[in-house]
C-alpha atoms as a PDB file:
ATOM      1  CA  UNK A   1       2.480  -4.470  -9.013  1.00  0.00           C
ATOM      2  CA  UNK A   2       0.267  -1.748 -10.439  1.00  0.00           C
ATOM      3  CA  UNK A   3      -1.343  -4.083 -12.968  1.00  0.00           C
ATOM      4  CA  UNK A   4      -1.960  -6.847 -10.415  1.00  0.00           C
ATOM      5  CA  UNK A   5      -4.123  -4.847  -7.998  1.00  0.00           C
ATOM      6  CA  UNK A   6      -7.398  -5.221  -9.911  1.00  0.00           C
ATOM      7  CA  UNK A   7      -7.925  -8.965  -9.648  1.00  0.00           C
ATOM      8  CA  UNK A   8      -8.140  -9.241  -5.825  1.00  0.00           C
ATOM      9  CA  UNK A   9     -10.621  -6.353  -5.760  1.00  0.00           C
ATOM     10  CA  UNK A  10     -13.143  -8.009  -8.080  1.00  0.00           C
ATOM     11  CA  UNK A  11     -16.030 -10.015  -6.714  1.00  0.00           C
ATOM     12  CA  UNK A  12     -15.250 -13.243  -8.572  1.00  0.00           C
ATOM     13  CA  UNK A  13     -16.116 -16.840  -7.881  1.00  0.00           C
ATOM     14  CA  UNK A  14     -13.450 -19.530  -7.890  1.00  0.00           C
ATOM     15  CA  UNK A  15     -14.117 -20.230 -11.575  1.00  0.00           C
ATOM     16  CA  UNK A  16     -13.257 -16.655 -12.550  1.00  0.00           C
ATOM     17  CA  UNK A  17     -16.814 -15.527 -13.324  1.00  0.00           C
ATOM     18  CA  UNK A  18     -18.337 -12.530 -11.585  1.00  0.00           C
ATOM     19  CA  UNK A  19     -20.639 -13.434  -8.704  1.00  0.00           C
ATOM     20  CA  UNK A  20     -23.303 -10.974  -9.826  1.00  0.00           C
ATOM     21  CA  UNK A  21     -24.598  -9.783 -13.190  1.00  0.00           C
ATOM     22  CA  UNK A  22     -23.723  -6.179 -12.382  1.00  0.00           C
ATOM     23  CA  UNK A  23     -20.389  -4.628 -13.285  1.00  0.00           C
ATOM     24  CA  UNK A  24     -17.924  -4.133 -10.492  1.00  0.00           C
ATOM     25  CA  UNK A  25     -18.361  -0.995  -8.388  1.00  0.00           C
ATOM     26  CA  UNK A  26     -14.681  -0.833  -7.522  1.00  0.00           C
ATOM     27  CA  UNK A  27     -13.296   2.667  -8.274  1.00  0.00           C
ATOM     28  CA  UNK A  28     -10.206   1.534 -10.180  1.00  0.00           C
ATOM     29  CA  UNK A  29      -9.374   5.069 -11.298  1.00  0.00           C
ATOM     30  CA  UNK A  30      -9.277   6.400  -7.745  1.00  0.00           C
ATOM     31  CA  UNK A  31      -7.198   3.452  -6.549  1.00  0.00           C
ATOM     32  CA  UNK A  32      -4.713   3.810  -9.419  1.00  0.00           C
ATOM     33  CA  UNK A  33      -4.497   7.586  -8.900  1.00  0.00           C
ATOM     34  CA  UNK A  34      -3.839   7.005  -5.187  1.00  0.00           C
ATOM     35  CA  UNK A  35      -0.983   4.642  -6.060  1.00  0.00           C
ATOM     36  CA  UNK A  36       0.527   7.234  -8.393  1.00  0.00           C
ATOM     37  CA  UNK A  37       0.171  10.073  -5.840  1.00  0.00           C
ATOM     38  CA  UNK A  38       1.885   7.987  -3.152  1.00  0.00           C
ATOM     39  CA  UNK A  39       4.726   7.108  -5.529  1.00  0.00           C
ATOM     40  CA  UNK A  40       5.153  10.811  -6.351  1.00  0.00           C
ATOM     41  CA  UNK A  41       5.007  11.765  -2.667  1.00  0.00           C
ATOM     42  CA  UNK A  42       7.560   9.098  -1.773  1.00  0.00           C
ATOM     43  CA  UNK A  43       9.898  10.333  -4.474  1.00  0.00           C
ATOM     44  CA  UNK A  44       9.578  13.925  -3.269  1.00  0.00           C
ATOM     45  CA  UNK A  45      10.178  12.968   0.372  1.00  0.00           C
ATOM     46  CA  UNK A  46      13.216  10.887  -0.598  1.00  0.00           C
ATOM     47  CA  UNK A  47      14.627  13.766  -2.639  1.00  0.00           C
ATOM     48  CA  UNK A  48      14.263  16.156   0.315  1.00  0.00           C
ATOM     49  CA  UNK A  49      15.719  13.671   2.810  1.00  0.00           C
ATOM     50  CA  UNK A  50      18.646  12.753   0.571  1.00  0.00           C
ATOM     51  CA  UNK A  51      19.815  16.366   0.612  1.00  0.00           C
ATOM     52  CA  UNK A  52      20.228  16.244   4.388  1.00  0.00           C
ATOM     53  CA  UNK A  53      20.826  12.590   5.340  1.00  0.00           C
ATOM     54  CA  UNK A  54      22.939   9.804   3.942  1.00  0.00           C
ATOM     55  CA  UNK A  55      21.329   6.860   2.168  1.00  0.00           C
ATOM     56  CA  UNK A  56      22.227   4.629   5.111  1.00  0.00           C
ATOM     57  CA  UNK A  57      20.374   6.887   7.568  1.00  0.00           C
ATOM     58  CA  UNK A  58      17.316   7.093   5.297  1.00  0.00           C
ATOM     59  CA  UNK A  59      17.218   3.299   4.921  1.00  0.00           C
ATOM     60  CA  UNK A  60      17.606   2.829   8.676  1.00  0.00           C
ATOM     61  CA  UNK A  61      14.781   5.274   9.415  1.00  0.00           C
ATOM     62  CA  UNK A  62      12.559   3.610   6.819  1.00  0.00           C
ATOM     63  CA  UNK A  63      13.235   0.190   8.313  1.00  0.00           C
ATOM     64  CA  UNK A  64      12.447   1.411  11.834  1.00  0.00           C
ATOM     65  CA  UNK A  65       9.222   3.113  10.691  1.00  0.00           C
ATOM     66  CA  UNK A  66       8.125  -0.024   8.809  1.00  0.00           C
ATOM     67  CA  UNK A  67       8.949  -2.222  11.801  1.00  0.00           C
ATOM     68  CA  UNK A  68       6.893  -0.025  14.115  1.00  0.00           C
ATOM     69  CA  UNK A  69       3.995   0.019  11.659  1.00  0.00           C
ATOM     70  CA  UNK A  70       4.031  -3.782  11.407  1.00  0.00           C
ATOM     71  CA  UNK A  71       4.283  -4.078  15.185  1.00  0.00           C
ATOM     72  CA  UNK A  72       0.987  -2.231  15.728  1.00  0.00           C
ATOM     73  CA  UNK A  73      -1.266  -5.213  14.822  1.00  0.00           C
ATOM     74  CA  UNK A  74       0.793  -7.512  17.050  1.00  0.00           C
ATOM     75  CA  UNK A  75       0.492  -5.225  20.059  1.00  0.00           C
ATOM     76  CA  UNK A  76      -3.174  -4.564  19.333  1.00  0.00           C
ATOM     77  CA  UNK A  77      -3.934  -8.305  19.195  1.00  0.00           C
ATOM     78  CA  UNK A  78      -2.269  -8.760  22.616  1.00  0.00           C
ATOM     79  CA  UNK A  79      -4.229  -5.880  24.125  1.00  0.00           C
ATOM     80  CA  UNK A  80      -7.522  -7.199  22.723  1.00  0.00           C
ATOM     81  CA  UNK A  81      -7.154 -10.586  24.438  1.00  0.00           C
END
C-alpha cells in the first residue's frame, strides 16, 4: 500500500506521460511521513488499549468507529438535498 500511493497523486495523462513539463509538486516525503506517523500512532493506541480491553472489544469499537465515520457522507448527502 505504501508504494502504491504515488501514482494516483501524479498529474498524468492516460498514456502515462506527465501533463506538464514541470516536475510534480506533490510533497511525497510529507505524505509518506504522515503514513508512518499514523502507523506508529495506531500501534501505540492499540498497545495501550490491549492492556485494558480484550481483542474482541477493541475490534468491536474499531468497527463501530469506522461505521460511524463511513456513515457521515451518507447522512451529509441526505441533508444537502
